[in-house]
Amino acid sequence: MGVTKKFQIILDSRLCKGCGICAAFCPKGVFTRDDDGKPVISDDMVCIGCKMCELRCPDFAIRVTGGI
């Protein structure tokens, strides 16, 4: 039986200014940062759906969907 993703992270790069708050607050290390400092979703399979990234983003550039 394969592993399925429970949560989907939607990152709108047009709204993101690259502050890094999402990467700093993510307890599972879902985000890394590119050369410009913008977040990159590096491992969304470990997302636990806490929505810390969504709640802390000052630009409303992140949405977390899914779960039970």
C-alpha atoms as a PDB file:
ATOM      1  CA  MET A   1       0.000   0.000   0.000  1.00  0.00           C
ATOM      2  CA  GLY A   2       1.469   3.354  -1.045  1.00  0.00           C
ATOM      3  CA  VAL A   3       1.847   6.417   1.111  1.00  0.00           C
ATOM      4  CA  THR A   4      -0.606   9.172   0.271  1.00  0.00           C
ATOM      5  CA  LYS A   5      -0.235  12.837   0.991  1.00  0.00           C
ATOM      6  CA  LYS A   6      -2.646  14.083   3.663  1.00  0.00           C
ATOM      7  CA  PHE A   7      -2.142  17.802   3.129  1.00  0.00           C
ATOM      8  CA  GLN A   8      -1.500  20.034   0.160  1.00  0.00           C
ATOM      9  CA  ILE A   9       0.534  23.218   0.526  1.00  0.00           C
ATOM     10  CA  ILE A  10      -0.276  25.946  -1.963  1.00  0.00           C
ATOM     11  CA  LEU A  11       2.395  28.632  -2.215  1.00  0.00           C
ATOM     12  CA  ASP A  12       1.601  31.729  -4.298  1.00  0.00           C
ATOM     13  CA  SER A  13       5.011  33.041  -5.299  1.00  0.00           C
ATOM     14  CA  ARG A  14       3.440  36.235  -6.655  1.00  0.00           C
ATOM     15  CA  LEU A  15       2.385  37.228  -3.143  1.00  0.00           C
ATOM     16  CA  CYS A  16       5.475  35.965  -1.325  1.00  0.00           C
ATOM     17  CA  LYS A  17       8.162  38.515  -0.457  1.00  0.00           C
ATOM     18  CA  GLY A  18      10.615  35.902   0.858  1.00  0.00           C
ATOM     19  CA  CYS A  19      10.590  36.790   4.551  1.00  0.00           C
ATOM     20  CA  GLY A  20      11.257  33.170   5.596  1.00  0.00           C
ATOM     21  CA  ILE A  21       8.722  33.078   8.415  1.00  0.00           C
ATOM     22  CA  CYS A  22       7.109  29.928   6.993  1.00  0.00           C
ATOM     23  CA  ALA A  23      10.433  28.083   6.985  1.00  0.00           C
ATOM     24  CA  ALA A  24      11.269  29.296  10.490  1.00  0.00           C
ATOM     25  CA  PHE A  25       7.971  28.189  12.042  1.00  0.00           C
ATOM     26  CA  CYS A  26       7.475  24.869  10.241  1.00  0.00           C
ATOM     27  CA  PRO A  27       8.033  22.138  12.852  1.00  0.00           C
ATOM     28  CA  LYS A  28       8.690  19.507  10.171  1.00  0.00           C
ATOM     29  CA  GLY A  29      11.072  21.407   7.883  1.00  0.00           C
ATOM     30  CA  VAL A  30       8.787  21.298   4.862  1.00  0.00           C
ATOM     31  CA  PHE A  31      10.354  24.456   3.422  1.00  0.00           C
ATOM     32  CA  THR A  32      13.822  25.344   2.257  1.00  0.00           C
ATOM     33  CA  ARG A  33      14.816  28.636   0.669  1.00  0.00           C
ATOM     34  CA  ASP A  34      16.089  29.293  -2.836  1.00  0.00           C
ATOM     35  CA  ASP A  35      18.977  31.592  -3.801  1.00  0.00           C
ATOM     36  CA  ASP A  36      16.652  34.615  -3.622  1.00  0.00           C
ATOM     37  CA  GLY A  37      15.467  33.689  -0.126  1.00  0.00           C
ATOM     38  CA  LYS A  38      12.016  32.625  -1.296  1.00  0.00           C
ATOM     39  CA  PRO A  39      10.532  29.477   0.223  1.00  0.00           C
ATOM     40  CA  VAL A  40      10.540  26.223  -1.704  1.00  0.00           C
ATOM     41  CA  ILE A  41       8.366  23.283  -0.699  1.00  0.00           C
ATOM     42  CA  SER A  42      11.021  20.623  -0.337  1.00  0.00           C
ATOM     43  CA  ASP A  43       9.151  17.792   1.410  1.00  0.00           C
ATOM     44  CA  ASP A  44       5.371  18.179   1.579  1.00  0.00           C
ATOM     45  CA  MET A  45       4.936  14.496   2.487  1.00  0.00           C
ATOM     46  CA  VAL A  46       6.014  15.269   6.077  1.00  0.00           C
ATOM     47  CA  CYS A  47       3.479  18.106   6.507  1.00  0.00           C
ATOM     48  CA  ILE A  48       1.343  17.502   9.604  1.00  0.00           C
ATOM     49  CA  GLY A  49      -1.232  20.175   8.729  1.00  0.00           C
ATOM     50  CA  CYS A  50      -0.522  22.431  11.704  1.00  0.00           C
ATOM     51  CA  LYS A  51      -0.901  25.471   9.413  1.00  0.00           C
ATOM     52  CA  MET A  52       1.811  27.421  11.224  1.00  0.00           C
ATOM     53  CA  CYS A  53       3.120  28.550   7.824  1.00  0.00           C
ATOM     54  CA  GLU A  54      -0.333  29.702   6.729  1.00  0.00           C
ATOM     55  CA  LEU A  55      -1.127  31.419  10.023  1.00  0.00           C
ATOM     56  CA  ARG A  56       2.222  33.231  10.255  1.00  0.00           C
ATOM     57  CA  CYS A  57       2.548  34.352   6.619  1.00  0.00           C
ATOM     58  CA  PRO A  58       2.143  38.153   6.581  1.00  0.00           C
ATOM     59  CA  ASP A  59       1.402  38.127   2.845  1.00  0.00           C
ATOM     60  CA  PHE A  60      -1.284  35.395   2.828  1.00  0.00           C
ATOM     61  CA  ALA A  61       0.832  33.565   0.258  1.00  0.00           C
ATOM     62  CA  ILE A  62       0.359  30.067   1.737  1.00  0.00           C
ATOM     63  CA  ARG A  63      -2.672  27.819   2.072  1.00  0.00           C
ATOM     64  CA  VAL A  64      -2.754  24.350   3.585  1.00  0.00           C
ATOM     65  CA  THR A  65      -5.637  22.137   2.500  1.00  0.00           C
ATOM     66  CA  GLY A  66      -6.673  18.581   3.168  1.00  0.00           C
ATOM     67  CA  GLY A  67      -6.711  16.465   6.254  1.00  0.00           C
ATOM     68  CA  ILE A  68      -9.503  14.731   8.003  1.00  0.00           C
END
